[in-house]
Amino acid sequence: EHLKLRNPIYVPTSAYGHFGRSPSNQGHFTWEKTDLVD
């Protein structure tokens, strides 16, 4: 629920790494956000 992982967001993860990518407006790579910093 926190990372909104029930969306169809996984094809872009299948190459060039699951990490270090930029979050998108379509819900991809939500785990790359830095919204816990504060």
PDB file of all heavy atoms in Angstrom:
ATOM      1  N   GLU A   1       0.824  -1.213   0.000  1.00  0.00           N
ATOM      2  CA  GLU A   1       0.000   0.000   0.000  1.00  0.00           C
ATOM      3  C   GLU A   1       0.856   1.260   0.000  1.00  0.00           C
ATOM      4  O   GLU A   1       0.568   2.220  -0.726  1.00  0.00           O
ATOM      5  CB  GLU A   1      -0.960  -0.023   1.197  1.00  0.00           C
ATOM      6  CG  GLU A   1      -2.038  -1.091   1.064  1.00  0.00           C
ATOM      7  CD  GLU A   1      -2.980  -1.140   2.253  1.00  0.00           C
ATOM      8  OE1 GLU A   1      -2.718  -0.426   3.256  1.00  0.00           O
ATOM      9  OE2 GLU A   1      -3.980  -1.887   2.186  1.00  0.00           O
ATOM     10  N   HIS A   2       1.916   1.264   0.799  1.00  0.00           N
ATOM     11  CA  HIS A   2       2.751   2.466   0.884  1.00  0.00           C
ATOM     12  C   HIS A   2       3.455   2.753  -0.446  1.00  0.00           C
ATOM     13  O   HIS A   2       3.536   3.915  -0.875  1.00  0.00           O
ATOM     14  CB  HIS A   2       3.793   2.307   1.999  1.00  0.00           C
ATOM     15  CG  HIS A   2       4.560   3.555   2.279  1.00  0.00           C
ATOM     16  ND1 HIS A   2       4.151   4.492   3.197  1.00  0.00           N
ATOM     17  CD2 HIS A   2       5.719   4.039   1.748  1.00  0.00           C
ATOM     18  CE1 HIS A   2       5.021   5.497   3.231  1.00  0.00           C
ATOM     19  NE2 HIS A   2       5.979   5.239   2.359  1.00  0.00           N
ATOM     20  N   LEU A   3       3.948   1.709  -1.097  1.00  0.00           N
ATOM     21  CA  LEU A   3       4.683   1.883  -2.355  1.00  0.00           C
ATOM     22  C   LEU A   3       3.801   1.721  -3.589  1.00  0.00           C
ATOM     23  O   LEU A   3       4.288   1.803  -4.715  1.00  0.00           O
ATOM     24  CB  LEU A   3       5.858   0.896  -2.410  1.00  0.00           C
ATOM     25  CG  LEU A   3       6.925   1.080  -1.331  1.00  0.00           C
ATOM     26  CD1 LEU A   3       8.013   0.015  -1.465  1.00  0.00           C
ATOM     27  CD2 LEU A   3       7.546   2.475  -1.383  1.00  0.00           C
ATOM     28  N   LYS A   4       2.502   1.450  -3.361  1.00  0.00           N
ATOM     29  CA  LYS A   4       1.529   1.338  -4.470  1.00  0.00           C
ATOM     30  C   LYS A   4       1.980   0.278  -5.487  1.00  0.00           C
ATOM     31  O   LYS A   4       2.082   0.536  -6.692  1.00  0.00           O
ATOM     32  CB  LYS A   4       1.320   2.693  -5.136  1.00  0.00           C
ATOM     33  CG  LYS A   4       0.748   3.749  -4.181  1.00  0.00           C
ATOM     34  CD  LYS A   4       0.578   5.091  -4.851  1.00  0.00           C
ATOM     35  CE  LYS A   4      -0.167   6.086  -3.959  1.00  0.00           C
ATOM     36  NZ  LYS A   4       0.452   6.289  -2.627  1.00  0.00           N
ATOM     37  N   LEU A   5       2.190  -0.915  -4.979  1.00  0.00           N
ATOM     38  CA  LEU A   5       2.763  -1.983  -5.793  1.00  0.00           C
ATOM     39  C   LEU A   5       1.735  -2.856  -6.504  1.00  0.00           C
ATOM     40  O   LEU A   5       2.121  -3.785  -7.212  1.00  0.00           O
ATOM     41  CB  LEU A   5       3.666  -2.870  -4.914  1.00  0.00           C
ATOM     42  CG  LEU A   5       4.867  -2.183  -4.271  1.00  0.00           C
ATOM     43  CD1 LEU A   5       5.679  -3.181  -3.446  1.00  0.00           C
ATOM     44  CD2 LEU A   5       5.757  -1.515  -5.317  1.00  0.00           C
ATOM     45  N   ARG A   6       0.448  -2.586  -6.329  1.00  0.00           N
ATOM     46  CA  ARG A   6      -0.556  -3.407  -7.021  1.00  0.00           C
ATOM     47  C   ARG A   6      -0.844  -2.899  -8.434  1.00  0.00           C
ATOM     48  O   ARG A   6      -1.754  -3.404  -9.102  1.00  0.00           O
ATOM     49  CB  ARG A   6      -1.858  -3.440  -6.216  1.00  0.00           C
ATOM     50  CG  ARG A   6      -1.734  -4.180  -4.898  1.00  0.00           C
ATOM     51  CD  ARG A   6      -3.080  -4.669  -4.404  1.00  0.00           C
ATOM     52  NE  ARG A   6      -3.032  -5.125  -3.023  1.00  0.00           N
ATOM     53  CZ  ARG A   6      -2.623  -6.310  -2.642  1.00  0.00           C
ATOM     54  NH1 ARG A   6      -2.202  -7.175  -3.545  1.00  0.00           N
ATOM     55  NH2 ARG A   6      -2.630  -6.650  -1.371  1.00  0.00           N
ATOM     56  N   ASN A   7      -0.105  -1.939  -8.898  1.00  0.00           N
ATOM     57  CA  ASN A   7      -0.297  -1.399 -10.242  1.00  0.00           C
ATOM     58  C   ASN A   7       0.567  -2.150 -11.257  1.00  0.00           C
ATOM     59  O   ASN A   7       1.578  -2.752 -10.893  1.00  0.00           O
ATOM     60  CB  ASN A   7       0.071   0.089 -10.259  1.00  0.00           C
ATOM     61  CG  ASN A   7      -0.843   0.913  -9.379  1.00  0.00           C
ATOM     62  OD1 ASN A   7      -2.053   0.778  -9.452  1.00  0.00           O
ATOM     63  ND2 ASN A   7      -0.267   1.762  -8.535  1.00  0.00           N
ATOM     64  N   PRO A   8       0.193  -2.101 -12.537  1.00  0.00           N
ATOM     65  CA  PRO A   8       0.993  -2.773 -13.582  1.00  0.00           C
ATOM     66  C   PRO A   8       2.227  -1.944 -13.946  1.00  0.00           C
ATOM     67  O   PRO A   8       2.269  -1.264 -14.973  1.00  0.00           O
ATOM     68  CB  PRO A   8       0.006  -2.891 -14.748  1.00  0.00           C
ATOM     69  CG  PRO A   8      -0.947  -1.750 -14.552  1.00  0.00           C
ATOM     70  CD  PRO A   8      -1.077  -1.557 -13.069  1.00  0.00           C
ATOM     71  N   ILE A   9       3.255  -2.037 -13.118  1.00  0.00           N
ATOM     72  CA  ILE A   9       4.423  -1.148 -13.204  1.00  0.00           C
ATOM     73  C   ILE A   9       5.736  -1.907 -13.413  1.00  0.00           C
ATOM     74  O   ILE A   9       6.813  -1.314 -13.306  1.00  0.00           O
ATOM     75  CB  ILE A   9       4.547  -0.311 -11.916  1.00  0.00           C
ATOM     76  CG1 ILE A   9       4.604  -1.228 -10.681  1.00  0.00           C
ATOM     77  CG2 ILE A   9       3.400   0.688 -11.811  1.00  0.00           C
ATOM     78  CD1 ILE A   9       4.891  -0.523  -9.366  1.00  0.00           C
ATOM     79  N   TYR A  10       5.675  -3.192 -13.737  1.00  0.00           N
ATOM     80  CA  TYR A  10       6.870  -4.022 -13.588  1.00  0.00           C
ATOM     81  C   TYR A  10       7.683  -4.254 -14.853  1.00  0.00           C
ATOM     82  O   TYR A  10       8.878  -4.561 -14.760  1.00  0.00           O
ATOM     83  CB  TYR A  10       6.476  -5.346 -12.929  1.00  0.00           C
ATOM     84  CG  TYR A  10       5.948  -5.109 -11.531  1.00  0.00           C
ATOM     85  CD1 TYR A  10       4.590  -5.187 -11.255  1.00  0.00           C
ATOM     86  CD2 TYR A  10       6.806  -4.723 -10.512  1.00  0.00           C
ATOM     87  CE1 TYR A  10       4.103  -4.918  -9.980  1.00  0.00           C
ATOM     88  CE2 TYR A  10       6.329  -4.446  -9.235  1.00  0.00           C
ATOM     89  CZ  TYR A  10       4.977  -4.554  -8.976  1.00  0.00           C
ATOM     90  OH  TYR A  10       4.511  -4.261  -7.717  1.00  0.00           O
ATOM     91  N   VAL A  11       7.105  -4.115 -16.037  1.00  0.00           N
ATOM     92  CA  VAL A  11       7.894  -4.327 -17.260  1.00  0.00           C
ATOM     93  C   VAL A  11       9.138  -3.440 -17.306  1.00  0.00           C
ATOM     94  O   VAL A  11      10.228  -3.920 -17.639  1.00  0.00           O
ATOM     95  CB  VAL A  11       7.019  -4.156 -18.521  1.00  0.00           C
ATOM     96  CG1 VAL A  11       7.881  -3.965 -19.768  1.00  0.00           C
ATOM     97  CG2 VAL A  11       6.124  -5.378 -18.714  1.00  0.00           C
ATOM     98  N   PRO A  12       9.051  -2.136 -16.954  1.00  0.00           N
ATOM     99  CA  PRO A  12      10.274  -1.315 -17.006  1.00  0.00           C
ATOM    100  C   PRO A  12      11.376  -1.762 -16.042  1.00  0.00           C
ATOM    101  O   PRO A  12      12.545  -1.417 -16.238  1.00  0.00           O
ATOM    102  CB  PRO A  12       9.774   0.091 -16.649  1.00  0.00           C
ATOM    103  CG  PRO A  12       8.334   0.091 -17.019  1.00  0.00           C
ATOM    104  CD  PRO A  12       7.859  -1.295 -16.699  1.00  0.00           C
ATOM    105  N   THR A  13      11.019  -2.528 -15.011  1.00  0.00           N
ATOM    106  CA  THR A  13      12.042  -3.002 -14.078  1.00  0.00           C
ATOM    107  C   THR A  13      12.839  -4.179 -14.630  1.00  0.00           C
ATOM    108  O   THR A  13      13.877  -4.535 -14.067  1.00  0.00           O
ATOM    109  CB  THR A  13      11.420  -3.447 -12.736  1.00  0.00           C
ATOM    110  OG1 THR A  13      10.687  -4.674 -12.917  1.00  0.00           O
ATOM    111  CG2 THR A  13      10.508  -2.389 -12.151  1.00  0.00           C
ATOM    112  N   SER A  14      12.366  -4.781 -15.709  1.00  0.00           N
ATOM    113  CA  SER A  14      12.910  -6.069 -16.138  1.00  0.00           C
ATOM    114  C   SER A  14      14.289  -5.972 -16.789  1.00  0.00           C
ATOM    115  O   SER A  14      14.921  -7.001 -17.037  1.00  0.00           O
ATOM    116  CB  SER A  14      11.928  -6.765 -17.098  1.00  0.00           C
ATOM    117  OG  SER A  14      11.770  -6.017 -18.293  1.00  0.00           O
ATOM    118  N   ALA A  15      14.754  -4.774 -17.082  1.00  0.00           N
ATOM    119  CA  ALA A  15      16.118  -4.597 -17.624  1.00  0.00           C
ATOM    120  C   ALA A  15      16.689  -3.290 -17.104  1.00  0.00           C
ATOM    121  O   ALA A  15      15.961  -2.360 -16.778  1.00  0.00           O
ATOM    122  CB  ALA A  15      16.097  -4.594 -19.151  1.00  0.00           C
ATOM    123  N   TYR A  16      18.013  -3.249 -16.996  1.00  0.00           N
ATOM    124  CA  TYR A  16      18.774  -2.069 -16.578  1.00  0.00           C
ATOM    125  C   TYR A  16      18.573  -1.713 -15.105  1.00  0.00           C
ATOM    126  O   TYR A  16      18.752  -0.567 -14.717  1.00  0.00           O
ATOM    127  CB  TYR A  16      18.456  -0.869 -17.488  1.00  0.00           C
ATOM    128  CG  TYR A  16      18.520  -1.226 -18.956  1.00  0.00           C
ATOM    129  CD1 TYR A  16      17.373  -1.218 -19.750  1.00  0.00           C
ATOM    130  CD2 TYR A  16      19.721  -1.633 -19.539  1.00  0.00           C
ATOM    131  CE1 TYR A  16      17.425  -1.586 -21.087  1.00  0.00           C
ATOM    132  CE2 TYR A  16      19.784  -1.994 -20.882  1.00  0.00           C
ATOM    133  CZ  TYR A  16      18.623  -1.977 -21.648  1.00  0.00           C
ATOM    134  OH  TYR A  16      18.678  -2.347 -22.967  1.00  0.00           O
ATOM    135  N   GLY A  17      18.220  -2.705 -14.302  1.00  0.00           N
ATOM    136  CA  GLY A  17      18.208  -2.526 -12.864  1.00  0.00           C
ATOM    137  C   GLY A  17      16.862  -2.145 -12.286  1.00  0.00           C
ATOM    138  O   GLY A  17      16.112  -1.358 -12.858  1.00  0.00           O
ATOM    139  N   HIS A  18      16.572  -2.711 -11.111  1.00  0.00           N
ATOM    140  CA  HIS A  18      15.349  -2.366 -10.380  1.00  0.00           C
ATOM    141  C   HIS A  18      15.552  -1.137  -9.505  1.00  0.00           C
ATOM    142  O   HIS A  18      14.574  -0.560  -9.026  1.00  0.00           O
ATOM    143  CB  HIS A  18      14.914  -3.544  -9.505  1.00  0.00           C
ATOM    144  CG  HIS A  18      14.424  -4.725 -10.283  1.00  0.00           C
ATOM    145  ND1 HIS A  18      13.116  -5.172 -10.242  1.00  0.00           N
ATOM    146  CD2 HIS A  18      15.062  -5.566 -11.144  1.00  0.00           C
ATOM    147  CE1 HIS A  18      12.977  -6.223 -11.024  1.00  0.00           C
ATOM    148  NE2 HIS A  18      14.153  -6.482 -11.578  1.00  0.00           N
ATOM    149  N   PHE A  19      16.806  -0.736  -9.313  1.00  0.00           N
ATOM    150  CA  PHE A  19      17.119   0.346  -8.388  1.00  0.00           C
ATOM    151  C   PHE A  19      17.947   1.430  -9.080  1.00  0.00           C
ATOM    152  O   PHE A  19      18.604   1.182 -10.088  1.00  0.00           O
ATOM    153  CB  PHE A  19      17.866  -0.210  -7.171  1.00  0.00           C
ATOM    154  CG  PHE A  19      17.140  -1.342  -6.503  1.00  0.00           C
ATOM    155  CD1 PHE A  19      17.771  -2.561  -6.274  1.00  0.00           C
ATOM    156  CD2 PHE A  19      15.820  -1.217  -6.117  1.00  0.00           C
ATOM    157  CE1 PHE A  19      17.103  -3.612  -5.668  1.00  0.00           C
ATOM    158  CE2 PHE A  19      15.134  -2.259  -5.514  1.00  0.00           C
ATOM    159  CZ  PHE A  19      15.777  -3.465  -5.300  1.00  0.00           C
ATOM    160  N   GLY A  20      17.893   2.632  -8.507  1.00  0.00           N
ATOM    161  CA  GLY A  20      18.612   3.751  -9.093  1.00  0.00           C
ATOM    162  C   GLY A  20      17.886   4.382 -10.262  1.00  0.00           C
ATOM    163  O   GLY A  20      18.459   5.210 -10.977  1.00  0.00           O
ATOM    164  N   ARG A  21      16.630   4.038 -10.456  1.00  0.00           N
ATOM    165  CA  ARG A  21      15.824   4.578 -11.552  1.00  0.00           C
ATOM    166  C   ARG A  21      14.975   5.747 -11.046  1.00  0.00           C
ATOM    167  O   ARG A  21      14.823   5.946  -9.845  1.00  0.00           O
ATOM    168  CB  ARG A  21      14.926   3.473 -12.129  1.00  0.00           C
ATOM    169  CG  ARG A  21      15.634   2.158 -12.428  1.00  0.00           C
ATOM    170  CD  ARG A  21      16.455   2.190 -13.692  1.00  0.00           C
ATOM    171  NE  ARG A  21      15.616   2.261 -14.870  1.00  0.00           N
ATOM    172  CZ  ARG A  21      15.076   1.186 -15.469  1.00  0.00           C
ATOM    173  NH1 ARG A  21      15.305  -0.033 -14.998  1.00  0.00           N
ATOM    174  NH2 ARG A  21      14.334   1.329 -16.560  1.00  0.00           N
ATOM    175  N   SER A  22      14.395   6.499 -11.945  1.00  0.00           N
ATOM    176  CA  SER A  22      13.610   7.678 -11.551  1.00  0.00           C
ATOM    177  C   SER A  22      12.139   7.323 -11.417  1.00  0.00           C
ATOM    178  O   SER A  22      11.561   6.727 -12.343  1.00  0.00           O
ATOM    179  CB  SER A  22      13.772   8.793 -12.590  1.00  0.00           C
ATOM    180  OG  SER A  22      15.114   9.205 -12.667  1.00  0.00           O
ATOM    181  N   PRO A  23      11.504   7.700 -10.305  1.00  0.00           N
ATOM    182  CA  PRO A  23      10.052   7.494 -10.181  1.00  0.00           C
ATOM    183  C   PRO A  23       9.323   8.246 -11.291  1.00  0.00           C
ATOM    184  O   PRO A  23       9.756   9.330 -11.711  1.00  0.00           O
ATOM    185  CB  PRO A  23       9.726   8.084  -8.804  1.00  0.00           C
ATOM    186  CG  PRO A  23      11.016   8.133  -8.072  1.00  0.00           C
ATOM    187  CD  PRO A  23      12.084   8.330  -9.112  1.00  0.00           C
ATOM    188  N   SER A  24       8.221   7.662 -11.774  1.00  0.00           N
ATOM    189  CA  SER A  24       7.471   8.300 -12.861  1.00  0.00           C
ATOM    190  C   SER A  24       6.077   8.701 -12.385  1.00  0.00           C
ATOM    191  O   SER A  24       5.597   8.242 -11.345  1.00  0.00           O
ATOM    192  CB  SER A  24       7.334   7.332 -14.046  1.00  0.00           C
ATOM    193  OG  SER A  24       6.370   6.325 -13.757  1.00  0.00           O
ATOM    194  N   ASN A  25       5.426   9.527 -13.190  1.00  0.00           N
ATOM    195  CA  ASN A  25       4.046   9.936 -12.887  1.00  0.00           C
ATOM    196  C   ASN A  25       3.070   8.777 -13.066  1.00  0.00           C
ATOM    197  O   ASN A  25       1.926   8.865 -12.628  1.00  0.00           O
ATOM    198  CB  ASN A  25       3.638  11.104 -13.785  1.00  0.00           C
ATOM    199  CG  ASN A  25       4.421  12.361 -13.490  1.00  0.00           C
ATOM    200  OD1 ASN A  25       4.854  12.579 -12.360  1.00  0.00           O
ATOM    201  ND2 ASN A  25       4.621  13.201 -14.506  1.00  0.00           N
ATOM    202  N   GLN A  26       3.532   7.709 -13.723  1.00  0.00           N
ATOM    203  CA  GLN A  26       2.676   6.524 -13.926  1.00  0.00           C
ATOM    204  C   GLN A  26       2.825   5.511 -12.793  1.00  0.00           C
ATOM    205  O   GLN A  26       2.241   4.433 -12.854  1.00  0.00           O
ATOM    206  CB  GLN A  26       3.017   5.855 -15.267  1.00  0.00           C
ATOM    207  CG  GLN A  26       2.628   6.666 -16.496  1.00  0.00           C
ATOM    208  CD  GLN A  26       3.548   7.847 -16.740  1.00  0.00           C
ATOM    209  OE1 GLN A  26       4.774   7.724 -16.628  1.00  0.00           O
ATOM    210  NE2 GLN A  26       2.970   8.987 -17.060  1.00  0.00           N
ATOM    211  N   GLY A  27       3.598   5.848 -11.770  1.00  0.00           N
ATOM    212  CA  GLY A  27       3.708   4.980 -10.606  1.00  0.00           C
ATOM    213  C   GLY A  27       4.873   4.024 -10.619  1.00  0.00           C
ATOM    214  O   GLY A  27       4.956   3.142  -9.762  1.00  0.00           O
ATOM    215  N   HIS A  28       5.794   4.179 -11.576  1.00  0.00           N
ATOM    216  CA  HIS A  28       6.959   3.295 -11.620  1.00  0.00           C
ATOM    217  C   HIS A  28       8.005   3.722 -10.592  1.00  0.00           C
ATOM    218  O   HIS A  28       8.172   4.904 -10.313  1.00  0.00           O
ATOM    219  CB  HIS A  28       7.595   3.326 -13.012  1.00  0.00           C
ATOM    220  CG  HIS A  28       6.666   2.924 -14.115  1.00  0.00           C
ATOM    221  ND1 HIS A  28       6.068   3.838 -14.950  1.00  0.00           N
ATOM    222  CD2 HIS A  28       6.216   1.712 -14.491  1.00  0.00           C
ATOM    223  CE1 HIS A  28       5.297   3.208 -15.822  1.00  0.00           C
ATOM    224  NE2 HIS A  28       5.368   1.906 -15.563  1.00  0.00           N
ATOM    225  N   PHE A  29       8.713   2.759 -10.040  1.00  0.00           N
ATOM    226  CA  PHE A  29       9.872   2.981  -9.167  1.00  0.00           C
ATOM    227  C   PHE A  29       9.551   3.884  -7.967  1.00  0.00           C
ATOM    228  O   PHE A  29      10.334   4.758  -7.588  1.00  0.00           O
ATOM    229  CB  PHE A  29      11.050   3.553  -9.984  1.00  0.00           C
ATOM    230  CG  PHE A  29      11.446   2.686 -11.142  1.00  0.00           C
ATOM    231  CD1 PHE A  29      11.089   3.013 -12.440  1.00  0.00           C
ATOM    232  CD2 PHE A  29      12.154   1.510 -10.926  1.00  0.00           C
ATOM    233  CE1 PHE A  29      11.436   2.198 -13.511  1.00  0.00           C
ATOM    234  CE2 PHE A  29      12.509   0.682 -12.003  1.00  0.00           C
ATOM    235  CZ  PHE A  29      12.148   1.029 -13.286  1.00  0.00           C
ATOM    236  N   THR A  30       8.413   3.628  -7.342  1.00  0.00           N
ATOM    237  CA  THR A  30       8.023   4.406  -6.160  1.00  0.00           C
ATOM    238  C   THR A  30       9.012   4.225  -5.020  1.00  0.00           C
ATOM    239  O   THR A  30       9.152   5.121  -4.173  1.00  0.00           O
ATOM    240  CB  THR A  30       6.629   3.986  -5.680  1.00  0.00           C
ATOM    241  OG1 THR A  30       6.630   2.545  -5.474  1.00  0.00           O
ATOM    242  CG2 THR A  30       5.557   4.336  -6.696  1.00  0.00           C
ATOM    243  N   TRP A  31       9.706   3.104  -4.989  1.00  0.00           N
ATOM    244  CA  TRP A  31      10.674   2.810  -3.927  1.00  0.00           C
ATOM    245  C   TRP A  31      11.943   3.645  -4.064  1.00  0.00           C
ATOM    246  O   TRP A  31      12.804   3.594  -3.196  1.00  0.00           O
ATOM    247  CB  TRP A  31      11.019   1.324  -3.924  1.00  0.00           C
ATOM    248  CG  TRP A  31      11.383   0.777  -5.270  1.00  0.00           C
ATOM    249  CD1 TRP A  31      12.634   0.659  -5.797  1.00  0.00           C
ATOM    250  CD2 TRP A  31      10.486   0.282  -6.280  1.00  0.00           C
ATOM    251  NE1 TRP A  31      12.585   0.126  -7.063  1.00  0.00           N
ATOM    252  CE2 TRP A  31      11.278  -0.125  -7.384  1.00  0.00           C
ATOM    253  CE3 TRP A  31       9.093   0.123  -6.343  1.00  0.00           C
ATOM    254  CZ2 TRP A  31      10.713  -0.660  -8.548  1.00  0.00           C
ATOM    255  CZ3 TRP A  31       8.542  -0.405  -7.506  1.00  0.00           C
ATOM    256  CH2 TRP A  31       9.354  -0.791  -8.583  1.00  0.00           C
ATOM    257  N   GLU A  32      12.052   4.431  -5.131  1.00  0.00           N
ATOM    258  CA  GLU A  32      13.195   5.332  -5.293  1.00  0.00           C
ATOM    259  C   GLU A  32      12.907   6.743  -4.771  1.00  0.00           C
ATOM    260  O   GLU A  32      13.772   7.623  -4.834  1.00  0.00           O
ATOM    261  CB  GLU A  32      13.604   5.391  -6.766  1.00  0.00           C
ATOM    262  CG  GLU A  32      14.205   4.094  -7.290  1.00  0.00           C
ATOM    263  CD  GLU A  32      15.513   3.727  -6.595  1.00  0.00           C
ATOM    264  OE1 GLU A  32      16.368   4.606  -6.401  1.00  0.00           O
ATOM    265  OE2 GLU A  32      15.672   2.538  -6.230  1.00  0.00           O
ATOM    266  N   LYS A  33      11.715   6.976  -4.257  1.00  0.00           N
ATOM    267  CA  LYS A  33      11.397   8.291  -3.697  1.00  0.00           C
ATOM    268  C   LYS A  33      12.160   8.503  -2.386  1.00  0.00           C
ATOM    269  O   LYS A  33      12.505   7.542  -1.687  1.00  0.00           O
ATOM    270  CB  LYS A  33       9.896   8.412  -3.442  1.00  0.00           C
ATOM    271  CG  LYS A  33       9.055   8.426  -4.719  1.00  0.00           C
ATOM    272  CD  LYS A  33       7.582   8.580  -4.401  1.00  0.00           C
ATOM    273  CE  LYS A  33       6.748   8.653  -5.667  1.00  0.00           C
ATOM    274  NZ  LYS A  33       5.300   8.824  -5.368  1.00  0.00           N
ATOM    275  N   THR A  34      12.385   9.746  -2.064  1.00  0.00           N
ATOM    276  CA  THR A  34      13.083  10.086  -0.811  1.00  0.00           C
ATOM    277  C   THR A  34      12.154  10.887   0.101  1.00  0.00           C
ATOM    278  O   THR A  34      12.548  11.884   0.697  1.00  0.00           O
ATOM    279  CB  THR A  34      14.376  10.863  -1.098  1.00  0.00           C
ATOM    280  OG1 THR A  34      14.082  11.975  -1.958  1.00  0.00           O
ATOM    281  CG2 THR A  34      15.408   9.979  -1.773  1.00  0.00           C
ATOM    282  N   ASP A  35      10.924  10.424   0.224  1.00  0.00           N
ATOM    283  CA  ASP A  35       9.920  11.164   0.996  1.00  0.00           C
ATOM    284  C   ASP A  35       9.919  10.820   2.488  1.00  0.00           C
ATOM    285  O   ASP A  35       9.054  11.288   3.230  1.00  0.00           O
ATOM    286  CB  ASP A  35       8.522  10.947   0.406  1.00  0.00           C
ATOM    287  CG  ASP A  35       8.186   9.480   0.171  1.00  0.00           C
ATOM    288  OD1 ASP A  35       8.999   8.604   0.554  1.00  0.00           O
ATOM    289  OD2 ASP A  35       7.116   9.196  -0.399  1.00  0.00           O
ATOM    290  N   LEU A  36      10.887  10.009   2.936  1.00  0.00           N
ATOM    291  CA  LEU A  36      11.031   9.745   4.368  1.00  0.00           C
ATOM    292  C   LEU A  36      12.140  10.593   4.995  1.00  0.00           C
ATOM    293  O   LEU A  36      12.387  10.495   6.203  1.00  0.00           O
ATOM    294  CB  LEU A  36      11.356   8.259   4.608  1.00  0.00           C
ATOM    295  CG  LEU A  36      10.337   7.222   4.126  1.00  0.00           C
ATOM    296  CD1 LEU A  36      10.853   5.821   4.420  1.00  0.00           C
ATOM    297  CD2 LEU A  36       8.978   7.439   4.760  1.00  0.00           C
ATOM    298  N   VAL A  37      12.782  11.411   4.180  1.00  0.00           N
ATOM    299  CA  VAL A  37      13.957  12.146   4.649  1.00  0.00           C
ATOM    300  C   VAL A  37      13.631  13.047   5.836  1.00  0.00           C
ATOM    301  O   VAL A  37      14.363  13.070   6.840  1.00  0.00           O
ATOM    302  CB  VAL A  37      14.582  12.952   3.488  1.00  0.00           C
ATOM    303  CG1 VAL A  37      15.558  13.996   4.015  1.00  0.00           C
ATOM    304  CG2 VAL A  37      15.289  12.012   2.519  1.00  0.00           C
ATOM    305  N   ASP A  38      12.532  13.796   5.766  1.00  0.00           N
ATOM    306  CA  ASP A  38      12.202  14.711   6.855  1.00  0.00           C
ATOM    307  C   ASP A  38      11.970  13.961   8.162  1.00  0.00           C
ATOM    308  O   ASP A  38      12.429  14.403   9.233  1.00  0.00           O
ATOM    309  CB  ASP A  38      10.967  15.541   6.500  1.00  0.00           C
ATOM    310  CG  ASP A  38      11.257  16.574   5.418  1.00  0.00           C
ATOM    311  OD1 ASP A  38      12.448  16.873   5.190  1.00  0.00           O
ATOM    312  OD2 ASP A  38      10.298  17.058   4.788  1.00  0.00           O
TER     313      ASP A  38
END
